[in-house]
Protein backbone atom coordinates (compact mmCIF):
# COMPACT_ATOMS: atom_id res chain seq x y z
CA MET A 1 0.00 0.00 0.00
CA ASN A 2 1.59 3.25 -1.13
CA ARG A 3 -0.32 5.73 1.02
CA SER A 4 -3.04 5.88 3.59
CA PRO A 5 -6.51 5.90 2.03
CA ARG A 6 -8.80 8.83 2.73
CA VAL A 7 -11.89 7.60 4.59
CA PHE A 8 -15.03 9.54 5.52
CA VAL A 9 -16.83 8.51 8.69
CA ASP A 10 -20.53 9.20 9.14
CA THR A 11 -22.19 10.31 12.37
CA CYS A 12 -23.56 6.88 13.24
CA VAL A 13 -20.10 5.32 12.96
CA LEU A 14 -18.63 7.91 15.33
CA PHE A 15 -21.49 7.38 17.77
CA ALA A 16 -20.93 3.59 17.67
CA ALA A 17 -17.19 4.10 18.28
CA VAL A 18 -17.87 6.25 21.34
CA LEU A 19 -20.34 3.82 22.87
CA CYS A 20 -18.53 0.55 22.17
CA GLU A 21 -14.84 -0.03 22.87
CA SER A 22 -14.78 -3.09 20.66
CA GLY A 23 -16.18 -3.43 17.19
CA GLY A 24 -15.51 -2.18 13.72
CA ALA A 25 -16.23 1.50 14.33
CA ARG A 26 -13.67 1.75 17.14
CA LEU A 27 -11.16 -0.24 15.09
CA ILE A 28 -11.47 2.29 12.27
CA LEU A 29 -10.61 5.09 14.69
CA SER A 30 -7.61 3.05 15.85
CA LEU A 31 -6.47 2.78 12.24
CA GLY A 32 -6.60 6.56 12.06
CA GLU A 33 -4.57 6.83 15.26
CA MET A 34 -1.91 4.54 13.74
CA ASN A 35 -1.86 6.54 10.47
CA VAL A 36 -3.02 3.51 8.49
CA VAL A 37 -5.93 5.60 7.16
CA GLN A 38 -6.66 9.31 6.95
CA LEU A 39 -10.03 9.89 8.58
CA TRP A 40 -12.30 12.71 7.48
CA MET A 41 -15.61 14.13 8.57
CA GLY A 42 -17.48 17.33 7.85
CA PRO A 43 -19.08 20.13 9.84
CA GLN A 44 -22.53 18.51 9.43
CA VAL A 45 -21.24 15.24 10.90
CA LEU A 46 -19.69 17.09 13.83
CA LEU A 47 -22.95 18.98 14.45
CA GLU A 48 -25.05 15.80 14.23
CA ALA A 49 -22.68 13.86 16.51
CA ASP A 50 -22.80 16.63 19.11
CA ARG A 51 -26.61 16.68 19.02
CA VAL A 52 -26.92 12.89 19.27
CA LEU A 53 -24.45 12.70 22.14
CA GLU A 54 -26.19 15.55 23.97
CA ARG A 55 -29.51 13.74 23.64
CA LYS A 56 -28.45 10.12 24.21
CA ALA A 57 -25.12 10.07 26.07
CA PRO A 58 -24.02 13.50 27.31
CA GLU A 59 -21.50 11.86 29.65
CA SER A 60 -19.66 10.61 26.53
CA LYS A 61 -18.87 14.03 25.03
CA ALA A 62 -15.38 14.23 26.55
CA ARG A 63 -14.57 10.68 25.36
CA PHE A 64 -15.85 11.65 21.91
CA ALA A 65 -13.51 14.66 21.73
CA LEU A 66 -10.57 12.54 22.88
CA LEU A 67 -11.31 9.81 20.30
CA LEU A 68 -11.51 12.38 17.48
CA ASP A 69 -8.18 13.83 18.53
CA GLN A 70 -6.45 10.47 18.90
CA ALA A 71 -7.81 9.24 15.55
CA ARG A 72 -6.48 12.40 13.86
CA ILE A 73 -9.83 13.05 12.21
CA GLN A 74 -9.67 15.98 9.82
CA ILE A 75 -12.62 18.22 9.04
CA VAL A 76 -13.32 19.12 5.43
CA ALA A 77 -14.46 22.64 4.55
CA GLN A 78 -18.10 23.32 3.72
CA PRO A 79 -18.85 21.84 0.29
CA GLY A 80 -19.94 24.00 -2.60
CA GLU A 81 -23.21 23.85 -4.49
CA GLY A 82 -21.75 21.47 -7.08
CA MET A 83 -21.03 18.87 -4.41
CA LEU A 84 -24.50 19.32 -2.94
CA ALA A 85 -26.06 18.74 -6.37
CA GLN A 86 -24.03 15.53 -6.79
CA ALA A 87 -25.13 14.35 -3.35
CA ARG A 88 -28.81 15.08 -4.10
CA ALA A 89 -28.58 12.62 -6.99
CA VAL A 90 -27.90 9.87 -4.42
CA THR A 91 -30.02 10.89 -1.42
CA THR A 92 -32.61 13.60 -0.92
CA HIS A 93 -32.79 13.23 2.85
CA GLY A 94 -31.90 16.75 4.13
CA SER A 95 -28.90 16.42 6.41
CA ASP A 96 -27.67 13.26 4.68
CA THR A 97 -27.33 15.21 1.45
CA ARG A 98 -25.00 17.61 3.25
CA VAL A 99 -23.04 14.72 4.82
CA LEU A 100 -22.55 13.04 1.45
CA SER A 101 -21.51 16.34 -0.13
CA GLU A 102 -18.86 16.66 2.61
CA ALA A 103 -17.51 13.22 1.68
CA LEU A 104 -17.39 14.28 -1.96
CA ALA A 105 -15.57 17.49 -1.04
CA ALA A 106 -13.01 15.53 0.98
CA ALA A 107 -12.22 13.41 -2.11
CA VAL A 108 -12.30 10.22 -0.07
CA GLU A 109 -11.75 6.68 -1.23
CA TYR A 110 -14.34 5.13 1.09
CA PHE A 111 -17.46 6.31 2.95
CA VAL A 112 -18.22 4.40 6.16
CA THR A 113 -21.79 4.52 7.44
CA LEU A 114 -24.38 2.45 9.25
CA ASP A 115 -27.27 4.32 7.58
CA ARG A 116 -28.87 1.66 5.44
CA GLN A 117 -32.02 3.63 4.65
CA HIS A 118 -30.50 6.80 3.20
CA PHE A 119 -27.08 5.61 2.01
CA LEU A 120 -26.39 1.90 1.77
CA HIS A 121 -29.68 0.97 0.12
CA SER A 122 -29.78 3.96 -2.21
CA PRO A 123 -30.05 2.71 -5.78
CA HIS A 124 -27.88 5.63 -6.87
CA ALA A 125 -24.94 4.96 -4.52
CA THR A 126 -23.13 3.06 -7.27
CA SER A 127 -22.78 6.32 -9.20
CA LEU A 128 -20.29 7.61 -6.61
CA LEU A 129 -16.54 7.58 -7.23
CA PHE A 130 -15.98 5.74 -3.94
CA PRO A 131 -17.50 2.67 -2.31
CA MET A 132 -19.85 3.01 0.63
CA GLY A 133 -20.27 0.44 3.37
CA THR A 134 -20.53 -0.50 7.01
CA PRO A 135 -17.47 -0.63 9.27
CA GLY A 136 -17.25 -4.38 8.56
CA ASP A 137 -17.41 -3.78 4.81
CA PHE A 138 -14.69 -1.16 5.08
CA LEU A 139 -12.41 -3.40 7.15
CA ALA A 140 -12.78 -6.16 4.52
CA TRP A 141 -11.90 -3.58 1.83
CA MET A 142 -8.82 -2.57 3.81
CA ARG A 143 -7.71 -6.18 4.32
CA LYS A 144 -7.93 -6.81 0.60
CA ARG A 145 -6.07 -3.58 -0.15
CA MET A 146 -3.27 -4.48 2.26
CA GLN A 147 -2.67 -7.97 0.87
CA PRO A 148 0.55 -8.22 -1.07
CA ALA A 149 0.21 -8.48 -4.82
CA GLY A 150 0.46 -11.99 -6.21
CA PRO A 151 3.40 -13.26 -8.26
CA ARG A 152 4.07 -11.50 -11.51
């Protein structure tokens, strides 16, 4: 593997990583901490994560901030209208359109989400330049990517 792939993490993945010390979501953050992947999120994801944590697990907000820092998660700038238009072709669900446009703006190689309804089961997701999947799907993708090339 020549360089660390750029990976976008959705709100639900971050929430799962905060609440569960084991599992694929937390492992992805560990890969970011070890510089195996470059993790990205956008302002909409950060806003959503803060709201969800405030509502469901306010005692986890400090752990969330620490995990983001340790995983070296970078925040992409607000996407332009062109990225929003591309995202609307895949999902029309309000905030999810903004999240997907952030992934497009970050020029990622993989989008990790647990949102089956608005992302994973979208018939238009195959039109994206990057694959989209669950933490388990992403980890399988990474394993395959890290395998040495066969004999030439």
